[in-house]
N, C-alpha and C. Protein backbone atom coordinates (compact mmCIF):
# COMPACT_ATOMS: atom_id res chain seq x y z
N MET A 1 29.85 0.70 -47.98
CA MET A 1 28.50 0.85 -48.31
C MET A 1 27.44 1.12 -47.96
N GLU A 2 26.79 2.21 -48.04
CA GLU A 2 25.72 2.66 -47.46
C GLU A 2 24.78 1.73 -46.48
N ASP A 3 24.21 2.16 -45.62
CA ASP A 3 23.20 0.87 -44.67
C ASP A 3 22.21 0.59 -45.71
N LYS A 4 21.54 1.62 -46.28
CA LYS A 4 20.18 1.20 -46.90
C LYS A 4 20.57 0.23 -47.93
N GLN A 5 21.70 0.48 -48.85
CA GLN A 5 21.72 -0.62 -50.05
C GLN A 5 22.37 -1.80 -49.53
N ILE A 6 22.88 -2.00 -48.53
CA ILE A 6 23.16 -3.21 -47.66
C ILE A 6 21.92 -4.16 -47.64
N LEU A 7 21.04 -3.13 -46.62
CA LEU A 7 19.70 -3.98 -46.61
C LEU A 7 19.14 -4.43 -47.66
N LEU A 8 19.10 -3.31 -48.98
CA LEU A 8 18.59 -3.79 -50.10
C LEU A 8 19.03 -4.96 -50.94
N ASP A 9 20.30 -5.03 -50.85
CA ASP A 9 21.06 -5.96 -51.25
C ASP A 9 20.78 -7.29 -50.88
N ASN A 10 20.38 -7.36 -49.47
CA ASN A 10 19.97 -8.56 -48.75
C ASN A 10 18.67 -8.85 -48.67
N ILE A 11 17.91 -8.21 -49.27
CA ILE A 11 16.59 -8.53 -48.96
C ILE A 11 15.92 -9.65 -48.90
N GLY A 12 16.51 -10.78 -49.59
CA GLY A 12 15.97 -11.97 -49.81
C GLY A 12 16.40 -13.01 -48.35
N LYS A 13 17.18 -12.17 -47.75
CA LYS A 13 17.41 -12.74 -46.24
C LYS A 13 16.59 -12.31 -45.45
N LEU A 14 15.57 -11.37 -45.70
CA LEU A 14 14.60 -10.83 -44.37
C LEU A 14 13.84 -12.19 -44.05
N HIS A 15 13.50 -12.28 -42.86
CA HIS A 15 12.88 -13.13 -42.18
C HIS A 15 12.20 -12.67 -40.80
N THR A 16 11.54 -13.39 -40.19
CA THR A 16 10.92 -13.29 -38.62
C THR A 16 10.51 -14.67 -38.31
N THR A 17 10.31 -14.64 -36.85
CA THR A 17 10.02 -15.71 -36.19
C THR A 17 8.45 -15.80 -36.38
N GLU A 18 8.00 -16.86 -35.74
CA GLU A 18 6.21 -17.03 -35.99
C GLU A 18 5.59 -16.07 -34.95
N MET A 19 6.35 -15.59 -33.93
CA MET A 19 6.00 -14.87 -32.60
C MET A 19 5.96 -13.27 -33.32
N GLY A 20 7.05 -13.26 -34.22
CA GLY A 20 7.19 -11.71 -35.09
C GLY A 20 6.24 -11.69 -35.91
N GLN A 21 5.95 -12.81 -36.92
CA GLN A 21 4.66 -12.81 -37.44
C GLN A 21 3.57 -12.31 -37.04
N ASP A 22 3.02 -12.94 -35.83
CA ASP A 22 1.87 -12.53 -35.24
C ASP A 22 2.08 -11.08 -34.68
N ARG A 23 3.23 -10.76 -34.11
CA ARG A 23 3.19 -9.45 -33.49
C ARG A 23 3.02 -8.12 -34.75
N ILE A 24 3.56 -8.54 -35.92
CA ILE A 24 3.30 -7.37 -37.09
C ILE A 24 2.21 -7.44 -37.41
N ARG A 25 1.63 -8.64 -37.64
CA ARG A 25 -0.18 -8.74 -38.18
C ARG A 25 -0.97 -7.95 -37.19
N ARG A 26 -0.47 -7.91 -35.96
CA ARG A 26 -1.55 -7.33 -34.93
C ARG A 26 -1.25 -5.82 -35.01
N ASN A 27 0.13 -5.42 -34.78
CA ASN A 27 0.62 -4.02 -34.61
C ASN A 27 0.01 -3.40 -35.93
N LEU A 28 0.09 -3.90 -37.28
CA LEU A 28 -0.28 -3.21 -38.53
C LEU A 28 -1.89 -3.71 -39.00
N GLY A 29 -2.41 -4.30 -38.26
CA GLY A 29 -3.91 -4.63 -38.54
C GLY A 29 -3.70 -5.49 -39.96
N LEU A 30 -2.98 -6.51 -40.34
CA LEU A 30 -2.89 -7.27 -41.34
C LEU A 30 -3.73 -8.10 -41.50
N GLY A 31 -4.35 -8.89 -40.52
CA GLY A 31 -5.28 -9.98 -40.83
C GLY A 31 -4.25 -11.31 -41.09
N ALA A 32 -4.56 -12.25 -42.39
CA ALA A 32 -3.93 -13.18 -42.61
C ALA A 32 -2.63 -12.99 -43.45
N VAL A 33 -2.43 -11.97 -43.85
CA VAL A 33 -1.38 -11.19 -44.57
C VAL A 33 -0.05 -12.03 -44.25
N ASP A 34 0.96 -12.18 -45.40
CA ASP A 34 2.24 -12.88 -45.02
C ASP A 34 3.03 -11.46 -44.37
N ALA A 35 3.39 -11.54 -43.26
CA ALA A 35 4.02 -10.26 -42.55
C ALA A 35 5.27 -9.71 -43.16
N VAL A 36 6.31 -11.11 -43.58
CA VAL A 36 7.70 -10.70 -44.34
C VAL A 36 7.29 -10.13 -45.52
N SER A 37 6.46 -11.17 -46.34
CA SER A 37 6.24 -10.20 -47.71
C SER A 37 5.66 -8.91 -47.85
N PHE A 38 4.92 -8.67 -46.87
CA PHE A 38 4.28 -6.99 -46.63
C PHE A 38 5.48 -6.19 -46.29
N CYS A 39 6.22 -6.57 -45.64
CA CYS A 39 7.10 -5.66 -45.06
C CYS A 39 8.17 -5.74 -46.23
N LYS A 40 8.51 -6.45 -46.91
CA LYS A 40 9.59 -6.52 -48.11
C LYS A 40 9.11 -5.64 -49.01
N ASP A 41 7.75 -5.55 -49.34
CA ASP A 41 7.34 -4.63 -50.31
C ASP A 41 7.20 -3.33 -49.82
N ARG A 42 7.30 -3.18 -48.68
CA ARG A 42 7.37 -1.49 -48.26
C ARG A 42 8.71 -1.12 -48.12
N ILE A 43 9.67 -2.09 -47.67
CA ILE A 43 10.99 -1.56 -47.60
C ILE A 43 11.55 -1.31 -49.36
N LEU A 44 11.03 -2.22 -50.13
CA LEU A 44 11.40 -2.19 -51.56
C LEU A 44 10.69 -0.80 -52.28
N ASP A 45 9.82 -0.16 -51.71
CA ASP A 45 9.08 1.09 -52.11
C ASP A 45 10.21 1.86 -51.78
N GLY A 46 9.99 2.80 -53.32
CA GLY A 46 11.42 4.05 -53.37
C GLY A 46 11.22 5.06 -52.25
N ARG A 47 9.97 5.50 -51.65
CA ARG A 47 9.60 6.41 -50.65
C ARG A 47 10.17 5.94 -49.28
N CYS A 48 10.49 4.63 -49.22
CA CYS A 48 11.00 4.03 -47.81
C CYS A 48 12.15 4.84 -47.52
N LYS A 49 12.19 5.34 -46.24
CA LYS A 49 13.46 5.95 -45.75
C LYS A 49 14.10 4.89 -44.64
N ILE A 50 15.27 4.53 -44.99
CA ILE A 50 16.00 3.63 -44.17
C ILE A 50 17.43 4.21 -43.50
N TYR A 51 17.38 3.73 -42.49
CA TYR A 51 18.66 4.39 -41.74
C TYR A 51 18.82 3.59 -40.45
N ARG A 52 20.18 3.58 -40.26
CA ARG A 52 20.61 2.48 -39.39
C ARG A 52 20.93 3.17 -37.89
N GLN A 53 20.68 2.85 -36.76
CA GLN A 53 21.14 3.00 -35.44
C GLN A 53 21.34 1.98 -34.48
N GLY A 54 22.72 1.92 -34.36
CA GLY A 54 22.94 0.46 -33.61
C GLY A 54 23.19 -0.92 -34.38
N LYS A 55 22.43 -1.89 -33.85
CA LYS A 55 22.50 -2.99 -34.47
C LYS A 55 21.07 -2.81 -35.10
N ASN A 56 20.30 -2.09 -35.43
CA ASN A 56 19.05 -2.32 -36.24
C ASN A 56 18.98 -0.94 -37.39
N CYS A 57 18.17 -1.62 -38.40
CA CYS A 57 17.96 -0.68 -39.21
C CYS A 57 16.37 -0.37 -39.30
N TYR A 58 15.98 0.95 -39.36
CA TYR A 58 14.53 1.25 -39.32
C TYR A 58 14.27 1.83 -40.49
N CYS A 59 13.09 1.30 -41.23
CA CYS A 59 12.49 1.74 -42.37
C CYS A 59 11.04 2.12 -42.07
N GLU A 60 10.89 3.57 -42.57
CA GLU A 60 10.06 4.25 -42.45
C GLU A 60 8.85 4.66 -43.86
N ILE A 61 8.03 4.28 -43.87
CA ILE A 61 7.17 4.41 -45.04
C ILE A 61 5.66 4.93 -44.76
N ASP A 62 5.00 5.70 -45.26
CA ASP A 62 3.51 6.19 -44.78
C ASP A 62 3.65 6.38 -43.27
N ASP A 63 2.79 5.42 -42.85
CA ASP A 63 2.50 5.50 -41.10
C ASP A 63 3.01 4.59 -40.42
N MET A 64 4.12 3.91 -40.95
CA MET A 64 4.69 2.80 -40.24
C MET A 64 6.07 2.58 -40.06
N ARG A 65 6.59 2.23 -38.91
CA ARG A 65 8.32 1.91 -39.07
C ARG A 65 8.47 0.75 -38.89
N ILE A 66 9.37 -0.37 -39.36
CA ILE A 66 9.96 -1.71 -39.33
C ILE A 66 10.92 -1.62 -39.06
N THR A 67 11.30 -2.49 -37.82
CA THR A 67 12.56 -2.51 -37.47
C THR A 67 13.22 -4.02 -37.96
N VAL A 68 14.47 -4.01 -38.13
CA VAL A 68 15.03 -5.09 -38.68
C VAL A 68 16.70 -5.14 -38.01
N ASN A 69 16.92 -6.25 -37.56
CA ASN A 69 18.14 -6.37 -36.96
C ASN A 69 19.20 -6.53 -38.12
N THR A 70 20.36 -5.84 -38.09
CA THR A 70 21.25 -5.84 -39.32
C THR A 70 21.81 -6.80 -39.26
N HIS A 71 22.41 -7.59 -38.47
CA HIS A 71 23.37 -9.01 -38.25
C HIS A 71 22.54 -10.12 -39.02
N SER A 72 21.09 -10.26 -38.48
CA SER A 72 20.43 -11.36 -38.82
C SER A 72 19.50 -11.44 -39.89
N TYR A 73 19.20 -10.19 -40.25
CA TYR A 73 17.92 -9.68 -41.14
C TYR A 73 16.56 -10.07 -40.80
N THR A 74 16.52 -10.14 -39.35
CA THR A 74 15.27 -10.45 -38.72
C THR A 74 14.31 -9.27 -38.79
N ILE A 75 13.18 -9.50 -38.82
CA ILE A 75 12.35 -8.11 -38.53
C ILE A 75 11.83 -8.53 -37.20
N ILE A 76 11.96 -7.50 -36.36
CA ILE A 76 11.86 -7.56 -35.10
C ILE A 76 10.61 -7.08 -34.77
N THR A 77 10.01 -5.98 -35.24
CA THR A 77 8.84 -5.67 -35.17
C THR A 77 8.43 -4.38 -36.15
N ALA A 78 7.45 -4.10 -36.38
CA ALA A 78 6.43 -3.03 -36.92
C ALA A 78 5.62 -2.38 -36.55
N HIS A 79 5.34 -1.07 -36.71
CA HIS A 79 4.40 -0.35 -35.82
C HIS A 79 3.71 0.58 -36.80
N LYS A 80 2.93 1.22 -36.35
CA LYS A 80 2.00 2.55 -36.98
C LYS A 80 2.61 3.47 -36.30
N GLU A 81 3.08 4.74 -36.82
CA GLU A 81 3.54 5.75 -36.07
C GLU A 81 2.41 6.87 -35.85
N ASN A 82 2.57 7.29 -34.88
CA ASN A 82 1.71 8.23 -34.40
C ASN A 82 2.30 9.75 -34.83
N LYS A 83 1.64 10.29 -35.90
CA LYS A 83 2.07 11.55 -36.62
C LYS A 83 2.10 12.80 -35.48
N ASN A 84 1.62 12.65 -34.59
CA ASN A 84 1.22 13.67 -33.45
C ASN A 84 2.35 13.77 -32.47
N ARG A 85 3.20 13.31 -32.53
CA ARG A 85 4.23 13.13 -31.36
C ARG A 85 5.17 14.16 -31.28
């Protein structure tokens, strides 16, 4: 099965740690928003490009990249991407 579809089929398992919540909020400037719900919404967006490298899936949409561990479905981090790299 395609990596993207596996992640989408298991979207309900997506989670992160308290430190992960704080890191994602800080990196994306989310304030008090629930980071897991925010990331799920972005991953489910039809424009999201999802690909796997090693043990992680990378989900890219707009100016951000969300990193998910494919074994545990833990959101490791999320960053705003610099388009000028």
